[in-house]
Protein backbone atom coordinates (compact mmCIF):
# COMPACT_ATOMS: atom_id res chain seq x y z
CA UNK A 1 -20.52 -9.30 2.41
CA UNK A 2 -19.59 -10.84 5.41
CA UNK A 3 -21.80 -10.59 8.31
CA UNK A 4 -23.78 -7.12 7.32
CA UNK A 5 -25.55 -7.13 3.59
CA UNK A 6 -25.59 -4.12 1.65
CA UNK A 7 -28.50 -2.24 2.11
CA UNK A 8 -28.15 -2.68 5.74
CA UNK A 9 -24.06 -0.77 5.31
CA UNK A 10 -25.90 1.70 2.86
CA UNK A 11 -28.65 2.55 5.71
CA UNK A 12 -25.60 2.77 8.07
CA UNK A 13 -23.82 5.53 6.04
CA UNK A 14 -26.76 7.19 5.44
CA UNK A 15 -27.94 7.38 9.40
CA UNK A 16 -24.18 8.95 10.00
CA UNK A 17 -24.05 11.18 7.29
CA UNK A 18 -24.03 14.35 9.61
CA UNK A 19 -21.74 13.14 11.71
CA UNK A 20 -18.39 14.17 10.57
CA UNK A 21 -15.39 16.40 10.38
CA UNK A 22 -14.61 16.39 14.15
CA UNK A 23 -11.34 16.40 15.84
CA UNK A 24 -10.50 13.63 18.44
CA UNK A 25 -11.15 15.12 22.41
CA UNK A 26 -7.24 15.69 23.00
CA UNK A 27 -7.72 18.09 19.52
CA UNK A 28 -5.70 16.00 17.45
CA UNK A 29 -7.01 15.49 13.85
CA UNK A 30 -9.20 12.81 12.87
CA UNK A 31 -7.70 11.32 9.90
CA UNK A 32 -8.39 8.00 7.60
CA UNK A 33 -6.37 6.17 5.98
CA UNK A 34 -6.88 2.89 3.05
CA UNK A 35 -3.71 1.23 3.60
CA UNK A 36 -0.71 0.84 6.26
CA UNK A 37 2.41 3.04 4.38
CA UNK A 38 -0.46 5.51 4.04
CA UNK A 39 -0.69 5.29 7.96
CA UNK A 40 2.99 5.52 8.48
CA UNK A 41 3.21 8.46 5.76
CA UNK A 42 0.61 10.84 7.80
CA UNK A 43 2.47 9.56 11.16
CA UNK A 44 5.10 10.71 10.07
CA UNK A 45 4.12 14.47 8.58
CA UNK A 46 0.80 14.98 11.22
CA UNK A 47 2.91 13.23 14.11
CA UNK A 48 1.50 14.33 17.54
CA UNK A 49 -1.36 16.14 15.95
CA UNK A 50 -2.79 13.36 13.96
CA UNK A 51 -4.96 10.26 14.79
CA UNK A 52 -4.75 8.00 12.00
CA UNK A 53 -7.55 5.33 11.01
CA UNK A 54 -6.32 2.71 8.76
CA UNK A 55 -9.68 1.25 6.38
CA UNK A 56 -7.71 -2.06 5.68
CA UNK A 57 -5.61 -3.32 8.83
CA UNK A 58 -2.85 -5.59 9.29
CA UNK A 59 -2.61 -8.88 7.70
CA UNK A 60 -6.34 -7.63 5.10
CA UNK A 61 -5.95 -7.61 1.91
CA UNK A 62 -7.71 -4.31 -0.31
CA UNK A 63 -8.35 -6.48 -2.91
CA UNK A 64 -11.05 -8.37 -0.66
CA UNK A 65 -12.03 -6.33 2.46
CA UNK A 66 -14.87 -4.29 3.80
CA UNK A 67 -14.98 -1.89 6.67
CA UNK A 68 -16.58 -2.65 9.84
CA UNK A 69 -19.80 -0.17 11.19
CA UNK A 70 -17.26 0.67 13.74
CA UNK A 71 -14.72 1.69 11.05
CA UNK A 72 -17.36 3.74 8.71
CA UNK A 73 -17.96 5.20 12.90
CA UNK A 74 -14.54 7.01 12.98
CA UNK A 75 -15.13 7.45 9.00
CA UNK A 76 -17.80 9.57 10.41
CA UNK A 77 -15.59 11.38 12.34
CA UNK A 78 -12.92 12.03 10.09
CA UNK A 79 -11.58 15.71 9.28
CA UNK A 80 -9.01 13.82 5.82
CA UNK A 81 -9.31 10.49 4.05
CA UNK A 82 -5.84 9.73 2.32
CA UNK A 83 -6.36 7.15 -0.58
CA UNK A 84 -3.88 5.50 -2.95
CA UNK A 85 -5.69 6.55 -5.85
CA UNK A 86 -4.33 4.39 -8.20
CA UNK A 87 -7.11 1.86 -9.15
CA UNK A 88 -6.84 -0.18 -5.19
CA UNK A 89 -10.06 -2.24 -5.93
CA UNK A 90 -11.09 -1.63 -1.51
CA UNK A 91 -11.58 2.30 -2.82
CA UNK A 92 -12.84 1.27 -6.29
CA UNK A 93 -15.93 -0.43 -4.09
CA UNK A 94 -16.04 2.08 -0.63
CA UNK A 95 -15.26 5.72 -1.73
CA UNK A 96 -18.15 6.93 -2.76
CA UNK A 97 -19.69 5.55 0.04
CA UNK A 98 -17.67 6.71 2.40
CA UNK A 99 -17.31 9.96 0.95
CA UNK A 100 -21.53 10.61 1.32
CA UNK A 101 -21.09 8.96 5.29
CA UNK A 102 -18.62 12.47 5.35
CA UNK A 103 -19.21 14.89 2.88
CA UNK A 104 -17.43 17.78 5.30
CA UNK A 105 -14.46 15.02 4.90
CA UNK A 106 -11.54 16.59 2.52
CA UNK A 107 -10.25 13.63 0.32
CA UNK A 108 -6.79 13.62 -0.49
CA UNK A 109 -5.61 11.43 -3.83
CA UNK A 110 -1.69 10.75 -3.03
CA UNK A 111 -0.64 9.46 -6.22
CA UNK A 112 -1.67 13.08 -7.76
CA UNK A 113 1.16 13.36 -10.16
CA UNK A 114 2.65 9.96 -10.04
CA UNK A 115 2.54 8.28 -13.09
CA UNK A 116 0.04 4.97 -12.43
CA UNK A 117 0.90 1.35 -14.83
CA UNK A 118 -1.91 0.04 -16.25
CA UNK A 119 -3.61 -2.79 -13.76
CA UNK A 120 -0.77 -2.22 -10.83
CA UNK A 121 -1.94 0.38 -7.89
CA UNK A 122 0.69 0.10 -5.53
CA UNK A 123 2.41 2.89 -6.42
CA UNK A 124 3.68 3.46 -2.66
CA UNK A 125 6.12 0.28 -3.40
CA UNK A 126 8.50 3.31 -5.21
CA UNK A 127 10.35 5.12 -2.70
CA UNK A 128 10.40 8.14 -5.46
CA UNK A 129 6.68 7.62 -5.36
CA UNK A 130 6.29 7.39 -1.77
CA UNK A 131 7.77 11.06 -1.94
CA UNK A 132 5.52 12.56 -3.98
CA UNK A 133 2.67 10.78 -1.99
CA UNK A 134 3.85 12.39 0.93
CA UNK A 135 4.08 16.18 -0.53
CA UNK A 136 0.33 15.22 -1.12
CA UNK A 137 -0.18 14.55 2.06
CA UNK A 138 1.49 17.58 3.26
CA UNK A 139 -0.23 19.54 1.24
CA UNK A 140 -3.93 18.24 2.47
CA UNK A 141 -2.92 18.70 6.22
CA UNK A 142 -2.56 22.28 5.66
CA UNK A 143 -5.20 23.00 3.88
CA UNK A 144 -7.58 21.54 6.47
CA UNK A 145 -4.69 23.09 9.23
CA UNK A 146 -3.66 25.77 7.83
CA UNK A 147 -2.73 27.12 11.18
CA UNK A 148 0.42 24.57 11.78
CA UNK A 149 2.06 24.67 8.56
CA UNK A 150 5.01 25.17 9.34
CA UNK A 151 5.02 21.99 11.80
CA UNK A 152 3.63 19.58 8.98
CA UNK A 153 6.17 20.93 6.19
CA UNK A 154 9.12 20.40 8.96
CA UNK A 155 8.38 17.02 9.48
CA UNK A 156 7.02 16.36 6.01
CA UNK A 157 11.08 18.55 4.60
CA UNK A 158 12.62 14.93 7.45
CA UNK A 159 10.86 12.28 6.19
CA UNK A 160 11.62 13.17 2.75
CA UNK A 161 15.38 13.46 3.65
CA UNK A 162 14.82 9.60 4.73
CA UNK A 163 13.03 8.16 1.81
CA UNK A 164 15.81 10.01 0.36
CA UNK A 165 18.53 8.27 1.96
CA UNK A 166 16.09 4.64 1.66
CA UNK A 167 16.80 5.66 -2.32
CA UNK A 168 20.57 5.46 -2.31
CA UNK A 169 20.38 2.46 0.47
CA UNK A 170 18.53 -0.25 -2.22
CA UNK A 171 21.01 1.11 -4.96
CA UNK A 172 24.03 0.56 -3.30
CA UNK A 173 22.60 -3.02 -2.19
CA UNK A 174 21.35 -3.84 -5.73
CA UNK A 175 25.16 -2.44 -7.31
CA UNK A 176 26.94 -5.33 -8.93
CA UNK A 177 23.95 -7.89 -9.44
CA UNK A 178 23.78 -9.12 -12.70
CA UNK A 179 20.85 -11.34 -12.37
CA UNK A 180 18.22 -8.86 -12.40
CA UNK A 181 14.84 -11.34 -12.31
CA UNK A 182 13.39 -11.95 -9.51
CA UNK A 183 9.80 -13.95 -9.41
CA UNK A 184 6.43 -13.34 -7.04
CA UNK A 185 3.11 -14.52 -6.72
CA UNK A 186 1.30 -11.63 -6.87
CA UNK A 187 2.49 -8.73 -9.13
CA UNK A 188 3.06 -6.01 -6.81
CA UNK A 189 6.42 -4.90 -6.87
CA UNK A 190 6.51 -3.15 -10.75
CA UNK A 191 6.86 0.22 -9.38
CA UNK A 192 9.90 -1.00 -7.44
CA UNK A 193 11.05 -3.21 -10.35
CA UNK A 194 10.89 -0.15 -12.53
CA UNK A 195 12.74 1.75 -10.19
CA UNK A 196 16.02 0.10 -10.21
CA UNK A 197 16.06 -2.02 -13.16
CA UNK A 198 14.62 -5.01 -12.36
CA UNK A 199 12.20 -7.77 -13.93
CA UNK A 200 9.44 -9.11 -12.02
CA UNK A 201 8.03 -12.39 -13.15
CA UNK A 202 4.87 -13.22 -12.22
CA UNK A 203 3.10 -16.14 -11.72
CA UNK A 204 -0.36 -14.52 -11.36
CA UNK A 205 -1.07 -12.29 -14.36
CA UNK A 206 -5.36 -11.78 -14.19
CA UNK A 207 -5.85 -11.21 -10.33
CA UNK A 208 -7.21 -14.65 -10.83
CA UNK A 209 -5.48 -17.75 -9.69
CA UNK A 210 -3.38 -18.76 -11.48
CA UNK A 211 -3.90 -21.72 -14.79
CA UNK A 212 -2.22 -24.79 -14.71
CA UNK A 213 -0.81 -23.83 -18.47
CA UNK A 214 0.35 -20.41 -15.97
CA UNK A 215 2.02 -22.46 -13.30
CA UNK A 216 3.60 -24.20 -16.25
CA UNK A 217 5.05 -21.17 -17.43
CA UNK A 218 6.18 -19.95 -14.10
CA UNK A 219 8.10 -23.57 -13.62
CA UNK A 220 9.88 -23.51 -16.79
CA UNK A 221 10.37 -19.34 -16.44
CA UNK A 222 12.43 -20.50 -13.38
CA UNK A 223 14.46 -23.23 -14.41
CA UNK A 224 15.43 -21.17 -17.01
CA UNK A 225 16.67 -17.86 -15.25
CA UNK A 226 18.11 -20.05 -11.90
CA UNK A 227 14.92 -19.08 -9.74
CA UNK A 228 14.52 -20.56 -6.69
CA UNK A 229 13.18 -17.98 -4.36
CA UNK A 230 9.52 -17.93 -4.79
CA UNK A 231 8.24 -13.89 -3.67
CA UNK A 232 4.24 -14.49 -1.01
CA UNK A 233 2.83 -11.20 -0.46
CA UNK A 234 1.24 -11.95 3.05
CA UNK A 235 -1.70 -10.99 3.18
CA UNK A 236 -2.75 -13.82 0.82
CA UNK A 237 -2.85 -17.80 0.07
CA UNK A 238 0.89 -19.12 -0.83
CA UNK A 239 -0.40 -22.40 -2.03
CA UNK A 240 0.23 -22.13 -5.30
CA UNK A 241 3.80 -20.36 -4.60
CA UNK A 242 4.29 -23.84 -2.50
CA UNK A 243 3.13 -25.67 -5.47
CA UNK A 244 5.54 -23.95 -7.87
CA UNK A 245 8.66 -23.44 -5.41
CA UNK A 246 8.82 -27.51 -4.24
CA UNK A 247 8.73 -28.57 -8.41
CA UNK A 248 11.57 -25.90 -8.45
CA UNK A 249 13.29 -27.31 -5.37
CA UNK A 250 13.46 -24.22 -4.18
CA UNK A 251 11.04 -22.07 -1.30
CA UNK A 252 8.42 -19.46 -0.32
CA UNK A 253 9.48 -16.18 1.23
CA UNK A 254 7.27 -13.05 2.10
CA UNK A 255 7.76 -9.40 0.97
CA UNK A 256 5.43 -7.11 2.63
CA UNK A 257 3.72 -4.88 0.52
CA UNK A 258 1.60 -3.24 3.04
CA UNK A 259 4.42 -2.94 5.69
CA UNK A 260 2.98 -0.50 8.62
CA UNK A 261 7.05 0.74 8.67
CA UNK A 262 7.77 1.83 5.20
CA UNK A 263 11.43 2.47 5.74
CA UNK A 264 12.58 -0.86 8.03
CA UNK A 265 9.98 -3.05 5.59
CA UNK A 266 11.58 -1.70 2.47
CA UNK A 267 15.35 -1.84 3.50
CA UNK A 268 14.44 -5.52 4.25
CA UNK A 269 12.83 -6.08 0.56
CA UNK A 270 15.92 -5.27 -0.77
CA UNK A 271 17.78 -7.38 1.49
CA UNK A 272 15.52 -10.88 0.58
CA UNK A 273 16.13 -10.01 -2.89
CA UNK A 274 19.36 -9.15 -3.06
CA UNK A 275 20.20 -13.37 -1.34
CA UNK A 276 17.49 -14.47 -3.61
CA UNK A 277 19.10 -13.39 -7.12
CA UNK A 278 23.17 -13.37 -5.98
């Protein structure tokens, strides 16, 4: 582990296990979440009644990130934890430990009711899935703070209306686009592609850096389908994507799978995809 031995961190978890389940001084409910999109969902439902702690900070990857002692301390004070629940590597490595820090903390599985694709944890990148995740978050907030049920449900309904508007916006933008293929370095956009009748061509296939053979295959597919844009996740290395882009005379463009503002980011995503697929 970076900076701390596993034994030290585990000791820290045990040490803090008696500190759980408190609200902030302002009376807000502390809600811990794994990734930024979940923070956005919680804040839109809980608004001024919640204080959100994000475990995987901006710019970091949930595939590799390990929490700091300060983050662990904040989890020890959380009343609720919202996990993605679809196999995100951070959660596979840390959820058991986090739950031991604070055994009174309510854990909400935001993936409940969502069909999960094999080897693809990025469920939130489907606006339809996002609606269900927001519903699950609302249910969790009502469970820990039942006196504010109407407040949470009202906020949830308003945000889901915005998600439905987003879905309509995306469908309108994609209308008439004949070339429905796009190339990504990291396969984060499978749920999005499935929702909107697109084909995601991924350079990375096994979670590891692509082999020489896989790089050659990607170059051949890019040429075959007249693809000139390689989309990358800002949180990950772009070196391999740059090599392929240079080979095909194309460019590398970021698509952020971990936005702080979900709706604005998804609008940007579809605009960038449309530009690349035309």
